[in-house]
Amino acid sequence: MSKKSIIARQNKREKMVAKYADLRAKLKKEGDYAALDKLPKNSSKVRLKNRCQLTGRPRGYIRRFGISRYVFRLMALDGKIPGVTKSSW
């Protein structure tokens, strides 16, 4: 599990990106890069990192499910993800 401060920082960035999304899009369309530069740096979408929703782990992230590979494996083995079963042949 990631540190609580890292997870909190990520959540803060997600809120800030959502708050400034319309304004950033408008300024980009107009080409007003001076005003765009005055906005908070954390309001940029490229600062976001894909993290597991349950543990905050940044590596091994599966986009389709929004969780890390480790949590995915545990949930799949417990039968908590519909349609996913352990393969055997």
Protein backbone atom coordinates (compact mmCIF):
# COMPACT_ATOMS: atom_id res chain seq x y z
CA MET A 1 0.00 0.00 0.00
CA SER A 2 1.24 3.46 -0.86
CA LYS A 3 1.77 6.13 1.74
CA LYS A 4 -1.35 8.06 2.67
CA SER A 5 0.33 11.33 1.67
CA ILE A 6 0.96 10.07 -1.89
CA ILE A 7 -2.65 8.95 -2.25
CA ALA A 8 -3.88 12.28 -0.84
CA ARG A 9 -1.67 14.19 -3.28
CA GLN A 10 -3.07 12.20 -6.18
CA ASN A 11 -6.65 12.88 -5.05
CA LYS A 12 -5.86 16.60 -4.74
CA ARG A 13 -4.50 16.62 -8.30
CA GLU A 14 -7.57 14.79 -9.64
CA LYS A 15 -9.88 17.39 -8.07
CA MET A 16 -7.79 20.25 -9.42
CA VAL A 17 -7.73 18.76 -12.94
CA ALA A 18 -11.52 18.44 -12.88
CA LYS A 19 -11.93 22.00 -11.57
CA TYR A 20 -9.78 23.65 -14.25
CA ALA A 21 -10.55 21.34 -17.21
CA ASP A 22 -12.98 23.69 -18.97
CA LEU A 23 -10.84 26.78 -18.43
CA ARG A 24 -7.68 25.00 -19.65
CA ALA A 25 -9.48 23.75 -22.77
CA LYS A 26 -10.77 27.26 -23.52
CA LEU A 27 -7.34 28.86 -23.08
CA LYS A 28 -5.68 26.21 -25.25
CA LYS A 29 -8.24 26.74 -27.99
CA GLU A 30 -7.62 30.51 -27.92
CA GLY A 31 -3.85 30.00 -27.81
CA ASP A 32 -3.46 32.12 -24.69
CA TYR A 33 -0.40 30.37 -23.28
CA ALA A 34 0.51 33.22 -20.94
CA ALA A 35 -2.78 32.82 -19.04
CA LEU A 36 -2.42 29.04 -19.21
CA ASP A 37 0.99 29.31 -17.57
CA LYS A 38 -0.51 31.23 -14.63
CA LEU A 39 -2.83 28.37 -13.71
CA PRO A 40 -1.68 25.89 -11.03
CA LYS A 41 0.74 23.29 -12.37
CA ASN A 42 -1.21 20.48 -10.70
CA SER A 43 -4.26 21.37 -12.79
CA SER A 44 -2.56 19.82 -15.82
CA LYS A 45 -3.81 16.36 -16.78
CA VAL A 46 -0.31 15.06 -17.53
CA ARG A 47 0.57 15.26 -13.84
CA LEU A 48 -1.88 12.46 -13.02
CA LYS A 49 -0.55 8.94 -12.50
CA ASN A 50 -2.56 5.77 -12.94
CA ARG A 51 -2.88 4.26 -9.47
CA CYS A 52 -4.77 1.30 -8.03
CA GLN A 53 -8.08 2.46 -6.55
CA LEU A 54 -7.73 0.14 -3.55
CA THR A 55 -4.03 0.25 -2.63
CA GLY A 56 -2.60 3.25 -4.48
CA ARG A 57 0.07 1.11 -6.14
CA PRO A 58 1.43 2.90 -9.24
CA ARG A 59 2.93 -0.11 -11.02
CA GLY A 60 1.17 -3.00 -12.67
CA TYR A 61 -1.99 -0.95 -13.25
CA ILE A 62 -4.75 -2.58 -15.33
CA ARG A 63 -6.74 0.21 -16.99
CA ARG A 64 -9.84 -1.86 -17.73
CA PHE A 65 -10.40 -2.59 -14.05
CA GLY A 66 -8.66 0.38 -12.41
CA ILE A 67 -6.66 -1.80 -10.03
CA SER A 68 -3.14 -3.22 -9.85
CA ARG A 69 -2.24 -6.70 -11.07
CA TYR A 70 -1.80 -7.98 -7.53
CA VAL A 71 -5.22 -6.82 -6.32
CA PHE A 72 -6.72 -8.07 -9.59
CA ARG A 73 -5.30 -11.53 -8.96
CA LEU A 74 -6.59 -11.65 -5.38
CA MET A 75 -10.07 -10.49 -6.40
CA ALA A 76 -10.22 -12.88 -9.35
CA LEU A 77 -9.27 -15.86 -7.18
CA ASP A 78 -11.94 -14.87 -4.63
CA GLY A 79 -14.52 -14.63 -7.44
CA LYS A 80 -15.16 -10.92 -6.88
CA ILE A 81 -14.69 -9.98 -10.55
CA PRO A 82 -17.52 -11.34 -12.72
CA GLY A 83 -16.47 -13.28 -15.81
CA VAL A 84 -12.84 -13.73 -14.73
CA THR A 85 -11.66 -17.22 -13.85
CA LYS A 86 -8.28 -18.81 -13.40
CA SER A 87 -7.23 -20.51 -16.59
CA SER A 88 -6.39 -24.20 -16.64
CA TRP A 89 -5.67 -26.57 -19.50
